[in-house]
Amino acid sequence: MSINLENAVVVITGASSGIGQAAAEAFARRGSRLVLAARNGEALEKVAETCRGLGAEAISVVTDVTEPTAVKALADKAKDLGGIDVWVSNVGVGAVGRFEETPIEAHEQVIRTNLIGHINDAHAAVPIFLEQGRGVFINMISLGGFAAAPFATAYSASKFGLRGFSEALRAELADKPRIHICDVYPAFADTPGLRHGANFVGRQVSAPPPVLDARRVAEAIVSVARSPRATTTVGVVTNATRLAHLLAPNLAARTLARLMAGYFKRAPRAVESDGNLYRPSTDAAHIDGGLRSPHRYSAPLLLGLAAVAVLAFGAAARTPPRRRLALGSRHRFW
């Protein structure tokens, strides 16, 4: 199935910077009609102006996805354009810090935004899709949907939950062949997201290389919108993470925790802040976060994940067949 994106109505939440902004520009180049949403109205209008400069029709709607009524109003405005063809549910925030040192309010806000916000998006979009008999809902999840992120426990909870939500909703709509629930799992992308996030660790937060260009992620989103599929991964790190977690989830998480703890001991100090958890970022309307370097590709993270995969695969290969069968029998579905 292939969908023509020219004149298609595309809703993008979290469109004021990073991947959302890159996706807006990518759809604009295809001639889509854009309904852009975020909390920062000034930045959002800048993105809309850029999209208009690319020849697309674009409107900006200030929206906080944690408010169901606001998301419903967003859906109604998009529907007034003649229906909704694609909805990109892209909002995401984060809080870095040890679990017990991160305020419980921050944990709650991460889950409220990253999980409940996406559920609000779907709850507004799916009835319109059912009425139309068609539609593509794209959930931006990240590699965090496949493996835990130590020092970002609420983020992990939200992404694991979002993956489960998508799978359940996709199953419910399996008898609607023209309605698609799609997931995109990018690796670390070069966006302002880490700079905008809450910091309760008191150290500068960065992403290990290789870091994706957000425009590459945007092209993957456009590809899914044109040819819907359930799961799309972007970047070698996502696939390595997925494999390591499949083979040895606890070992993978412990390895990542040690790597991150070591990094935080060496990282420059930073002011603790709740970032954009409760208010819009002031330096939005930028795609790039300045994290990429052409001279850095290998990373401790990749080496750690590779080591986990090798060790886990080796352990599985050495386990006698009867023992593997016995272990497997403990994990049957209820």
C-alpha atoms as a PDB file:
ATOM      1  CA  MET A   1       0.000   0.000   0.000  1.00  0.00           C
ATOM      2  CA  SER A   2       1.366   3.407  -0.980  1.00  0.00           C
ATOM      3  CA  ILE A   3      -0.110   6.734   0.152  1.00  0.00           C
ATOM      4  CA  ASN A   4       0.204   9.921  -1.888  1.00  0.00           C
ATOM      5  CA  LEU A   5       1.473  12.638   0.448  1.00  0.00           C
ATOM      6  CA  GLU A   6       0.783  15.542  -1.881  1.00  0.00           C
ATOM      7  CA  ASN A   7      -2.077  17.550  -0.343  1.00  0.00           C
ATOM      8  CA  ALA A   8      -2.354  14.974   2.453  1.00  0.00           C
ATOM      9  CA  VAL A   9      -3.262  16.487   5.828  1.00  0.00           C
ATOM     10  CA  VAL A  10      -0.440  15.713   8.262  1.00  0.00           C
ATOM     11  CA  VAL A  11      -0.565  16.511  11.979  1.00  0.00           C
ATOM     12  CA  ILE A  12       2.782  16.666  13.787  1.00  0.00           C
ATOM     13  CA  THR A  13       2.996  17.149  17.547  1.00  0.00           C
ATOM     14  CA  GLY A  14       6.267  18.295  19.075  1.00  0.00           C
ATOM     15  CA  ALA A  15       6.948  20.172  15.827  1.00  0.00           C
ATOM     16  CA  SER A  16       8.786  23.183  17.266  1.00  0.00           C
ATOM     17  CA  SER A  17      12.308  21.679  17.136  1.00  0.00           C
ATOM     18  CA  GLY A  18      14.389  18.579  16.525  1.00  0.00           C
ATOM     19  CA  ILE A  19      12.840  15.586  14.789  1.00  0.00           C
ATOM     20  CA  GLY A  20       9.390  17.194  14.723  1.00  0.00           C
ATOM     21  CA  GLN A  21      10.698  20.251  12.906  1.00  0.00           C
ATOM     22  CA  ALA A  22      12.727  18.118  10.502  1.00  0.00           C
ATOM     23  CA  ALA A  23       9.633  15.999   9.791  1.00  0.00           C
ATOM     24  CA  ALA A  24       7.545  19.126   9.145  1.00  0.00           C
ATOM     25  CA  GLU A  25      10.053  20.340   6.570  1.00  0.00           C
ATOM     26  CA  ALA A  26      10.286  16.880   4.974  1.00  0.00           C
ATOM     27  CA  PHE A  27       6.501  16.641   4.555  1.00  0.00           C
ATOM     28  CA  ALA A  28       6.419  20.237   3.278  1.00  0.00           C
ATOM     29  CA  ARG A  29       8.772  19.265   0.471  1.00  0.00           C
ATOM     30  CA  ARG A  30       6.255  16.560  -0.508  1.00  0.00           C
ATOM     31  CA  GLY A  31       3.460  19.136  -0.743  1.00  0.00           C
ATOM     32  CA  SER A  32       1.572  17.958   2.350  1.00  0.00           C
ATOM     33  CA  ARG A  33      -0.817  20.237   4.232  1.00  0.00           C
ATOM     34  CA  LEU A  34       0.578  20.606   7.720  1.00  0.00           C
ATOM     35  CA  VAL A  35      -1.011  21.113  11.113  1.00  0.00           C
ATOM     36  CA  LEU A  36       1.877  21.709  13.522  1.00  0.00           C
ATOM     37  CA  ALA A  37       1.527  21.490  17.287  1.00  0.00           C
ATOM     38  CA  ALA A  38       3.731  22.279  20.286  1.00  0.00           C
ATOM     39  CA  ARG A  39       3.682  24.390  23.449  1.00  0.00           C
ATOM     40  CA  ASN A  40       5.991  27.159  22.172  1.00  0.00           C
ATOM     41  CA  GLY A  41       3.790  29.207  19.854  1.00  0.00           C
ATOM     42  CA  GLU A  42       6.550  31.551  18.669  1.00  0.00           C
ATOM     43  CA  ALA A  43       8.906  28.739  17.690  1.00  0.00           C
ATOM     44  CA  LEU A  44       6.041  26.769  16.157  1.00  0.00           C
ATOM     45  CA  GLU A  45       5.096  29.677  13.910  1.00  0.00           C
ATOM     46  CA  LYS A  46       8.730  29.964  12.761  1.00  0.00           C
ATOM     47  CA  VAL A  47       8.623  26.315  11.686  1.00  0.00           C
ATOM     48  CA  ALA A  48       5.297  26.898   9.930  1.00  0.00           C
ATOM     49  CA  GLU A  49       6.788  29.884   8.067  1.00  0.00           C
ATOM     50  CA  THR A  50       9.708  27.744   6.916  1.00  0.00           C
ATOM     51  CA  CYS A  51       7.275  25.107   5.640  1.00  0.00           C
ATOM     52  CA  ARG A  52       5.278  27.758   3.781  1.00  0.00           C
ATOM     53  CA  GLY A  53       8.531  28.898   2.208  1.00  0.00           C
ATOM     54  CA  LEU A  54       8.938  25.344   0.923  1.00  0.00           C
ATOM     55  CA  GLY A  55       5.567  25.662  -0.817  1.00  0.00           C
ATOM     56  CA  ALA A  56       3.371  23.870   1.690  1.00  0.00           C
ATOM     57  CA  GLU A  57       0.235  24.958   3.473  1.00  0.00           C
ATOM     58  CA  ALA A  58       0.972  25.029   7.207  1.00  0.00           C
ATOM     59  CA  ILE A  59      -0.866  26.178  10.312  1.00  0.00           C
ATOM     60  CA  SER A  60       0.417  26.233  13.883  1.00  0.00           C
ATOM     61  CA  VAL A  61      -1.737  25.266  16.852  1.00  0.00           C
ATOM     62  CA  VAL A  62      -0.339  25.779  20.349  1.00  0.00           C
ATOM     63  CA  THR A  63      -1.051  22.488  22.109  1.00  0.00           C
ATOM     64  CA  ASP A  64      -0.017  20.739  25.309  1.00  0.00           C
ATOM     65  CA  VAL A  65      -0.527  17.040  24.616  1.00  0.00           C
ATOM     66  CA  THR A  66      -0.968  16.305  28.313  1.00  0.00           C
ATOM     67  CA  GLU A  67      -4.322  18.118  28.070  1.00  0.00           C
ATOM     68  CA  PRO A  68      -6.900  15.863  26.326  1.00  0.00           C
ATOM     69  CA  THR A  69      -9.213  18.754  25.472  1.00  0.00           C
ATOM     70  CA  ALA A  70      -6.373  20.641  23.782  1.00  0.00           C
ATOM     71  CA  VAL A  71      -5.483  17.599  21.692  1.00  0.00           C
ATOM     72  CA  LYS A  72      -9.138  17.124  20.735  1.00  0.00           C
ATOM     73  CA  ALA A  73      -9.271  20.760  19.611  1.00  0.00           C
ATOM     74  CA  LEU A  74      -6.131  20.167  17.544  1.00  0.00           C
ATOM     75  CA  ALA A  75      -7.757  17.167  15.870  1.00  0.00           C
ATOM     76  CA  ASP A  76     -10.904  19.152  15.113  1.00  0.00           C
ATOM     77  CA  LYS A  77      -8.893  21.910  13.426  1.00  0.00           C
ATOM     78  CA  ALA A  78      -7.071  19.369  11.303  1.00  0.00           C
ATOM     79  CA  LYS A  79     -10.310  17.576  10.444  1.00  0.00           C
ATOM     80  CA  ASP A  80     -11.738  20.866   9.173  1.00  0.00           C
ATOM     81  CA  LEU A  81      -9.147  20.755   6.391  1.00  0.00           C
ATOM     82  CA  GLY A  82     -10.894  17.721   4.947  1.00  0.00           C
ATOM     83  CA  GLY A  83      -9.864  14.898   7.244  1.00  0.00           C
ATOM     84  CA  ILE A  84      -6.561  13.652   8.667  1.00  0.00           C
ATOM     85  CA  ASP A  85      -4.337  11.402   6.595  1.00  0.00           C
ATOM     86  CA  VAL A  86      -1.280  11.126   8.879  1.00  0.00           C
ATOM     87  CA  TRP A  87      -0.737  11.899  12.554  1.00  0.00           C
ATOM     88  CA  VAL A  88       2.874  11.951  13.805  1.00  0.00           C
ATOM     89  CA  SER A  89       2.842  11.648  17.608  1.00  0.00           C
ATOM     90  CA  ASN A  90       6.283  13.010  18.368  1.00  0.00           C
ATOM     91  CA  VAL A  91       6.283  14.816  21.723  1.00  0.00           C
ATOM     92  CA  GLY A  92       8.934  13.652  24.156  1.00  0.00           C
ATOM     93  CA  VAL A  93      10.709  14.943  27.268  1.00  0.00           C
ATOM     94  CA  GLY A  94      13.299  13.443  29.577  1.00  0.00           C
ATOM     95  CA  ALA A  95      14.749  13.692  33.069  1.00  0.00           C
ATOM     96  CA  VAL A  96      18.274  12.422  33.769  1.00  0.00           C
ATOM     97  CA  GLY A  97      19.264  11.522  37.310  1.00  0.00           C
ATOM     98  CA  ARG A  98      19.333   8.720  39.834  1.00  0.00           C
ATOM     99  CA  PHE A  99      15.827   7.457  40.497  1.00  0.00           C
ATOM    100  CA  GLU A 100      15.673   8.451  44.179  1.00  0.00           C
ATOM    101  CA  GLU A 101      17.289  11.854  43.540  1.00  0.00           C
ATOM    102  CA  THR A 102      14.783  12.808  40.826  1.00  0.00           C
ATOM    103  CA  PRO A 103      11.632  14.470  42.198  1.00  0.00           C
ATOM    104  CA  ILE A 104       8.564  12.277  41.929  1.00  0.00           C
ATOM    105  CA  GLU A 105       6.803  15.160  40.155  1.00  0.00           C
ATOM    106  CA  ALA A 106       9.428  14.969  37.416  1.00  0.00           C
ATOM    107  CA  HIS A 107       8.922  11.215  36.991  1.00  0.00           C
ATOM    108  CA  GLU A 108       5.178  11.803  36.724  1.00  0.00           C
ATOM    109  CA  GLN A 109       5.558  14.571  34.156  1.00  0.00           C
ATOM    110  CA  VAL A 110       7.807  12.453  31.921  1.00  0.00           C
ATOM    111  CA  ILE A 111       5.235   9.668  31.872  1.00  0.00           C
ATOM    112  CA  ARG A 112       2.357  12.125  31.497  1.00  0.00           C
ATOM    113  CA  THR A 113       4.036  13.619  28.414  1.00  0.00           C
ATOM    114  CA  ASN A 114       5.698  10.640  26.744  1.00  0.00           C
ATOM    115  CA  LEU A 115       2.972   8.073  27.352  1.00  0.00           C
ATOM    116  CA  ILE A 116      -0.311   9.761  28.259  1.00  0.00           C
ATOM    117  CA  GLY A 117       0.361  12.496  25.698  1.00  0.00           C
ATOM    118  CA  HIS A 118       0.661   9.935  22.922  1.00  0.00           C
ATOM    119  CA  ILE A 119      -2.453   8.158  24.172  1.00  0.00           C
ATOM    120  CA  ASN A 120      -4.258  11.513  24.022  1.00  0.00           C
ATOM    121  CA  ASP A 121      -3.073  11.928  20.439  1.00  0.00           C
ATOM    122  CA  ALA A 122      -4.357   8.503  19.456  1.00  0.00           C
ATOM    123  CA  HIS A 123      -7.635   8.981  21.323  1.00  0.00           C
ATOM    124  CA  ALA A 124      -8.278  12.111  19.268  1.00  0.00           C
ATOM    125  CA  ALA A 125      -7.075  10.717  15.939  1.00  0.00           C
ATOM    126  CA  VAL A 126      -8.438   7.153  15.869  1.00  0.00           C
ATOM    127  CA  PRO A 127     -12.159   8.081  15.912  1.00  0.00           C
ATOM    128  CA  ILE A 128     -11.526  10.320  12.908  1.00  0.00           C
ATOM    129  CA  PHE A 129      -9.670   7.497  11.170  1.00  0.00           C
ATOM    130  CA  LEU A 130     -12.565   5.135  11.875  1.00  0.00           C
ATOM    131  CA  GLU A 131     -15.029   7.643  10.493  1.00  0.00           C
ATOM    132  CA  GLN A 132     -12.896   8.099   7.371  1.00  0.00           C
ATOM    133  CA  GLY A 133     -12.049   4.412   7.076  1.00  0.00           C
ATOM    134  CA  ARG A 134      -8.336   5.241   6.722  1.00  0.00           C
ATOM    135  CA  GLY A 135      -5.395   6.945   8.419  1.00  0.00           C
ATOM    136  CA  VAL A 136      -1.790   6.504   9.533  1.00  0.00           C
ATOM    137  CA  PHE A 137      -0.800   7.063  13.173  1.00  0.00           C
ATOM    138  CA  ILE A 138       2.968   7.180  13.726  1.00  0.00           C
ATOM    139  CA  ASN A 139       4.319   6.824  17.258  1.00  0.00           C
ATOM    140  CA  MET A 140       7.848   8.135  17.769  1.00  0.00           C
ATOM    141  CA  ILE A 141       9.295   5.864  20.426  1.00  0.00           C
ATOM    142  CA  SER A 142      13.152   5.580  20.284  1.00  0.00           C
ATOM    143  CA  LEU A 143      15.560   2.780  21.103  1.00  0.00           C
ATOM    144  CA  GLY A 144      14.390   3.253  24.701  1.00  0.00           C
ATOM    145  CA  GLY A 145      11.369   1.172  23.732  1.00  0.00           C
ATOM    146  CA  PHE A 146      13.603  -1.885  23.388  1.00  0.00           C
ATOM    147  CA  ALA A 147      16.027  -1.507  26.297  1.00  0.00           C
ATOM    148  CA  ALA A 148      16.085   0.187  29.690  1.00  0.00           C
ATOM    149  CA  ALA A 149      17.850   3.516  30.167  1.00  0.00           C
ATOM    150  CA  PRO A 150      19.487   3.691  33.600  1.00  0.00           C
ATOM    151  CA  PHE A 151      19.467   7.191  35.134  1.00  0.00           C
ATOM    152  CA  ALA A 152      16.282   7.876  33.143  1.00  0.00           C
ATOM    153  CA  THR A 153      13.866   5.421  34.749  1.00  0.00           C
ATOM    154  CA  ALA A 154      10.654   7.303  34.019  1.00  0.00           C
ATOM    155  CA  TYR A 155      11.744   7.758  30.413  1.00  0.00           C
ATOM    156  CA  SER A 156      12.233   3.976  30.194  1.00  0.00           C
ATOM    157  CA  ALA A 157       8.823   3.375  31.749  1.00  0.00           C
ATOM    158  CA  SER A 158       7.186   5.730  29.262  1.00  0.00           C
ATOM    159  CA  LYS A 159       8.869   4.209  26.215  1.00  0.00           C
ATOM    160  CA  PHE A 160       8.240   0.588  27.246  1.00  0.00           C
ATOM    161  CA  GLY A 161       4.644   1.576  27.952  1.00  0.00           C
ATOM    162  CA  LEU A 162       4.298   3.360  24.629  1.00  0.00           C
ATOM    163  CA  ARG A 163       5.522   0.301  22.772  1.00  0.00           C
ATOM    164  CA  GLY A 164       2.954  -1.858  24.560  1.00  0.00           C
ATOM    165  CA  PHE A 165       0.222   0.680  23.903  1.00  0.00           C
ATOM    166  CA  SER A 166       1.009   0.685  20.181  1.00  0.00           C
ATOM    167  CA  GLU A 167       1.027  -3.083  19.956  1.00  0.00           C
ATOM    168  CA  ALA A 168      -2.316  -3.350  21.758  1.00  0.00           C
ATOM    169  CA  LEU A 169      -3.946  -0.633  19.655  1.00  0.00           C
ATOM    170  CA  ARG A 170      -2.598  -2.152  16.463  1.00  0.00           C
ATOM    171  CA  ALA A 171      -4.165  -5.477  17.433  1.00  0.00           C
ATOM    172  CA  GLU A 172      -7.537  -3.836  18.111  1.00  0.00           C
ATOM    173  CA  LEU A 173      -7.495  -2.253  14.653  1.00  0.00           C
ATOM    174  CA  ALA A 174      -6.220  -5.315  12.813  1.00  0.00           C
ATOM    175  CA  ASP A 175      -9.569  -5.698  11.040  1.00  0.00           C
ATOM    176  CA  LYS A 176      -9.262  -2.168   9.624  1.00  0.00           C
ATOM    177  CA  PRO A 177      -6.730  -2.678   6.808  1.00  0.00           C
ATOM    178  CA  ARG A 178      -6.584   0.998   5.867  1.00  0.00           C
ATOM    179  CA  ILE A 179      -5.869   2.212   9.391  1.00  0.00           C
ATOM    180  CA  HIS A 180      -2.242   1.823  10.405  1.00  0.00           C
ATOM    181  CA  ILE A 181      -0.545   2.148  13.800  1.00  0.00           C
ATOM    182  CA  CYS A 182       3.171   2.513  13.116  1.00  0.00           C
ATOM    183  CA  ASP A 183       6.170   2.773  15.440  1.00  0.00           C
ATOM    184  CA  VAL A 184       9.513   4.443  14.683  1.00  0.00           C
ATOM    185  CA  TYR A 185      12.522   3.658  16.873  1.00  0.00           C
ATOM    186  CA  PRO A 186      15.439   6.012  16.140  1.00  0.00           C
ATOM    187  CA  ALA A 187      18.834   5.800  17.809  1.00  0.00           C
ATOM    188  CA  PHE A 188      20.310   8.893  19.443  1.00  0.00           C
ATOM    189  CA  ALA A 189      19.613  11.890  17.220  1.00  0.00           C
ATOM    190  CA  ASP A 190      21.341  15.247  17.064  1.00  0.00           C
ATOM    191  CA  THR A 191      18.557  17.463  18.405  1.00  0.00           C
ATOM    192  CA  PRO A 192      18.241  20.040  21.197  1.00  0.00           C
ATOM    193  CA  GLY A 193      16.323  17.437  23.208  1.00  0.00           C
ATOM    194  CA  LEU A 194      19.078  16.577  25.682  1.00  0.00           C
ATOM    195  CA  ARG A 195      19.790  20.256  26.256  1.00  0.00           C
ATOM    196  CA  HIS A 196      16.105  20.906  26.832  1.00  0.00           C
ATOM    197  CA  GLY A 197      15.584  17.999  29.218  1.00  0.00           C
ATOM    198  CA  ALA A 198      15.592  18.004  32.996  1.00  0.00           C
ATOM    199  CA  ASN A 199      18.954  17.437  34.651  1.00  0.00           C
ATOM    200  CA  PHE A 200      19.070  16.080  38.192  1.00  0.00           C
ATOM    201  CA  VAL A 201      22.517  14.501  37.924  1.00  0.00           C
ATOM    202  CA  GLY A 202      24.455  17.769  38.013  1.00  0.00           C
ATOM    203  CA  ARG A 203      26.605  16.829  35.026  1.00  0.00           C
ATOM    204  CA  GLN A 204      26.510  17.757  31.362  1.00  0.00           C
ATOM    205  CA  VAL A 205      24.442  15.220  29.434  1.00  0.00           C
ATOM    206  CA  SER A 206      25.412  14.124  25.939  1.00  0.00           C
ATOM    207  CA  ALA A 207      24.745  11.250  23.539  1.00  0.00           C
ATOM    208  CA  PRO A 208      27.389   8.699  22.548  1.00  0.00           C
ATOM    209  CA  PRO A 209      28.335   8.552  18.869  1.00  0.00           C
ATOM    210  CA  PRO A 210      27.238   7.659  16.264  1.00  0.00           C
ATOM    211  CA  VAL A 211      24.504  10.311  16.526  1.00  0.00           C
ATOM    212  CA  LEU A 212      21.888  10.477  13.776  1.00  0.00           C
ATOM    213  CA  ASP A 213      21.039  13.546  11.755  1.00  0.00           C
ATOM    214  CA  ALA A 214      17.431  14.317  12.692  1.00  0.00           C
ATOM    215  CA  ARG A 215      16.699  14.777   8.981  1.00  0.00           C
ATOM    216  CA  ARG A 216      17.461  11.096   8.441  1.00  0.00           C
ATOM    217  CA  VAL A 217      14.875  10.224  11.071  1.00  0.00           C
ATOM    218  CA  ALA A 218      12.429  12.589   9.375  1.00  0.00           C
ATOM    219  CA  GLU A 219      12.902  10.801   6.063  1.00  0.00           C
ATOM    220  CA  ALA A 220      12.145   7.514   7.808  1.00  0.00           C
ATOM    221  CA  ILE A 221       8.920   9.038   9.132  1.00  0.00           C
ATOM    222  CA  VAL A 222       7.931  10.177   5.644  1.00  0.00           C
ATOM    223  CA  SER A 223       8.706   6.705   4.306  1.00  0.00           C
ATOM    224  CA  VAL A 224       6.439   5.114   6.932  1.00  0.00           C
ATOM    225  CA  ALA A 225       3.670   7.607   6.147  1.00  0.00           C
ATOM    226  CA  ARG A 226       3.913   6.761   2.454  1.00  0.00           C
ATOM    227  CA  SER A 227       4.235   2.990   2.935  1.00  0.00           C
ATOM    228  CA  PRO A 228       2.928   2.129   6.431  1.00  0.00           C
ATOM    229  CA  ARG A 229       4.578  -0.670   8.394  1.00  0.00           C
ATOM    230  CA  ALA A 230       4.332  -1.648  12.029  1.00  0.00           C
ATOM    231  CA  THR A 231       7.936  -1.257  13.169  1.00  0.00           C
ATOM    232  CA  THR A 232      10.773   0.827  11.761  1.00  0.00           C
ATOM    233  CA  THR A 233      14.205   1.136  13.361  1.00  0.00           C
ATOM    234  CA  VAL A 234      16.625   3.915  12.420  1.00  0.00           C
ATOM    235  CA  GLY A 235      20.340   3.596  13.131  1.00  0.00           C
ATOM    236  CA  VAL A 236      22.711   0.748  13.927  1.00  0.00           C
ATOM    237  CA  VAL A 237      22.586   1.523  17.665  1.00  0.00           C
ATOM    238  CA  THR A 238      18.872   0.731  17.818  1.00  0.00           C
ATOM    239  CA  ASN A 239      19.382  -2.678  16.224  1.00  0.00           C
ATOM    240  CA  ALA A 240      22.382  -3.449  18.461  1.00  0.00           C
ATOM    241  CA  THR A 241      20.397  -2.406  21.524  1.00  0.00           C
ATOM    242  CA  ARG A 242      17.434  -4.509  20.456  1.00  0.00           C
ATOM    243  CA  LEU A 243      19.636  -7.585  19.966  1.00  0.00           C
ATOM    244  CA  ALA A 244      21.508  -7.140  23.244  1.00  0.00           C
ATOM    245  CA  HIS A 245      18.259  -6.742  25.172  1.00  0.00           C
ATOM    246  CA  LEU A 246      16.752  -9.787  23.467  1.00  0.00           C
ATOM    247  CA  LEU A 247      19.718 -11.974  24.392  1.00  0.00           C
ATOM    248  CA  ALA A 248      20.523 -10.640  27.864  1.00  0.00           C
ATOM    249  CA  PRO A 249      18.287  -7.820  29.110  1.00  0.00           C
ATOM    250  CA  ASN A 250      19.687  -7.578  32.639  1.00  0.00           C
ATOM    251  CA  LEU A 251      23.306  -7.766  31.511  1.00  0.00           C
ATOM    252  CA  ALA A 252      22.642  -5.114  28.854  1.00  0.00           C
ATOM    253  CA  ALA A 253      21.066  -2.744  31.395  1.00  0.00           C
ATOM    254  CA  ARG A 254      23.876  -3.252  33.927  1.00  0.00           C
ATOM    255  CA  THR A 255      26.517  -2.674  31.261  1.00  0.00           C
ATOM    256  CA  LEU A 256      24.836   0.539  30.163  1.00  0.00           C
ATOM    257  CA  ALA A 257      24.476   1.683  33.785  1.00  0.00           C
ATOM    258  CA  ARG A 258      28.222   1.223  34.387  1.00  0.00           C
ATOM    259  CA  LEU A 259      29.071   3.116  31.214  1.00  0.00           C
ATOM    260  CA  MET A 260      26.776   5.978  32.146  1.00  0.00           C
ATOM    261  CA  ALA A 261      28.013   6.133  35.746  1.00  0.00           C
ATOM    262  CA  GLY A 262      31.582   6.306  34.463  1.00  0.00           C
ATOM    263  CA  TYR A 263      30.662   9.057  32.044  1.00  0.00           C
ATOM    264  CA  PHE A 264      28.939  11.148  34.741  1.00  0.00           C
ATOM    265  CA  LYS A 265      32.037  10.946  36.970  1.00  0.00           C
ATOM    266  CA  ARG A 266      34.136  12.519  34.198  1.00  0.00           C
ATOM    267  CA  ALA A 267      31.575  14.891  32.659  1.00  0.00           C
ATOM    268  CA  PRO A 268      31.760  18.627  33.380  1.00  0.00           C
ATOM    269  CA  ARG A 269      29.458  19.894  36.091  1.00  0.00           C
ATOM    270  CA  ALA A 270      26.123  21.402  35.112  1.00  0.00           C
ATOM    271  CA  VAL A 271      23.366  23.283  36.895  1.00  0.00           C
ATOM    272  CA  GLU A 272      20.487  21.063  37.935  1.00  0.00           C
ATOM    273  CA  SER A 273      17.220  22.067  36.277  1.00  0.00           C
ATOM    274  CA  ASP A 274      13.754  20.768  35.465  1.00  0.00           C
ATOM    275  CA  GLY A 275      14.315  21.846  31.848  1.00  0.00           C
ATOM    276  CA  ASN A 276      11.242  21.824  29.655  1.00  0.00           C
ATOM    277  CA  LEU A 277       9.192  19.453  31.789  1.00  0.00           C
ATOM    278  CA  TYR A 278       6.685  22.097  32.861  1.00  0.00           C
ATOM    279  CA  ARG A 279       7.260  24.923  30.384  1.00  0.00           C
ATOM    280  CA  PRO A 280       8.280  25.236  26.712  1.00  0.00           C
ATOM    281  CA  SER A 281      11.937  25.499  25.773  1.00  0.00           C
ATOM    282  CA  THR A 282      12.991  29.052  24.975  1.00  0.00           C
ATOM    283  CA  ASP A 283      15.519  28.164  22.247  1.00  0.00           C
ATOM    284  CA  ALA A 284      13.266  26.046  20.052  1.00  0.00           C
ATOM    285  CA  ALA A 285      12.887  26.201  16.229  1.00  0.00           C
ATOM    286  CA  HIS A 286      16.246  24.435  15.779  1.00  0.00           C
ATOM    287  CA  ILE A 287      16.685  20.974  14.296  1.00  0.00           C
ATOM    288  CA  ASP A 288      20.278  20.330  15.334  1.00  0.00           C
ATOM    289  CA  GLY A 289      21.687  20.035  18.831  1.00  0.00           C
ATOM    290  CA  GLY A 290      25.393  20.225  18.005  1.00  0.00           C
ATOM    291  CA  LEU A 291      26.116  16.648  19.074  1.00  0.00           C
ATOM    292  CA  ARG A 292      27.489  15.248  15.833  1.00  0.00           C
ATOM    293  CA  SER A 293      31.176  15.055  14.974  1.00  0.00           C
ATOM    294  CA  PRO A 294      32.603  13.617  11.723  1.00  0.00           C
ATOM    295  CA  HIS A 295      35.649  12.384  13.654  1.00  0.00           C
ATOM    296  CA  ARG A 296      33.774  10.289  16.204  1.00  0.00           C
ATOM    297  CA  TYR A 297      31.996   7.089  15.311  1.00  0.00           C
ATOM    298  CA  SER A 298      32.961   4.245  17.623  1.00  0.00           C
ATOM    299  CA  ALA A 299      31.536   4.494  21.112  1.00  0.00           C
ATOM    300  CA  PRO A 300      31.762   2.671  24.437  1.00  0.00           C
ATOM    301  CA  LEU A 301      28.028   2.097  24.177  1.00  0.00           C
ATOM    302  CA  LEU A 302      28.357   0.168  20.923  1.00  0.00           C
ATOM    303  CA  LEU A 303      31.294  -1.837  22.285  1.00  0.00           C
ATOM    304  CA  GLY A 304      29.369  -2.600  25.453  1.00  0.00           C
ATOM    305  CA  LEU A 305      26.277  -3.715  23.557  1.00  0.00           C
ATOM    306  CA  ALA A 306      28.385  -5.830  21.222  1.00  0.00           C
ATOM    307  CA  ALA A 307      30.093  -7.482  24.190  1.00  0.00           C
ATOM    308  CA  VAL A 308      26.724  -8.207  25.804  1.00  0.00           C
ATOM    309  CA  ALA A 309      25.442  -9.778  22.588  1.00  0.00           C
ATOM    310  CA  VAL A 310      28.551 -11.937  22.176  1.00  0.00           C
ATOM    311  CA  LEU A 311      28.544 -13.099  25.799  1.00  0.00           C
ATOM    312  CA  ALA A 312      24.823 -13.841  25.770  1.00  0.00           C
ATOM    313  CA  PHE A 313      24.980 -15.686  22.469  1.00  0.00           C
ATOM    314  CA  GLY A 314      27.956 -17.695  23.683  1.00  0.00           C
ATOM    315  CA  ALA A 315      26.196 -18.604  26.916  1.00  0.00           C
ATOM    316  CA  ALA A 316      23.097 -19.677  25.003  1.00  0.00           C
ATOM    317  CA  ALA A 317      25.180 -21.806  22.647  1.00  0.00           C
ATOM    318  CA  ARG A 318      26.887 -23.581  25.565  1.00  0.00           C
ATOM    319  CA  THR A 319      23.606 -24.330  27.345  1.00  0.00           C
ATOM    320  CA  PRO A 320      22.466 -27.941  26.735  1.00  0.00           C
ATOM    321  CA  PRO A 321      19.235 -28.242  24.723  1.00  0.00           C
ATOM    322  CA  ARG A 322      17.309 -29.789  27.634  1.00  0.00           C
ATOM    323  CA  ARG A 323      18.431 -27.002  29.952  1.00  0.00           C
ATOM    324  CA  ARG A 324      17.384 -24.352  27.389  1.00  0.00           C
ATOM    325  CA  LEU A 325      13.984 -26.055  27.103  1.00  0.00           C
ATOM    326  CA  ALA A 326      13.585 -26.061  30.876  1.00  0.00           C
ATOM    327  CA  LEU A 327      14.516 -22.407  31.117  1.00  0.00           C
ATOM    328  CA  GLY A 328      12.115 -21.545  28.323  1.00  0.00           C
ATOM    329  CA  SER A 329       9.250 -23.401  30.002  1.00  0.00           C
ATOM    330  CA  ARG A 330       9.387 -20.946  32.887  1.00  0.00           C
ATOM    331  CA  HIS A 331       8.386 -18.091  30.657  1.00  0.00           C
ATOM    332  CA  ARG A 332       5.299 -19.397  28.985  1.00  0.00           C
ATOM    333  CA  PHE A 333       2.292 -17.141  28.502  1.00  0.00           C
ATOM    334  CA  TRP A 334      -0.290 -17.383  31.258  1.00  0.00           C
END
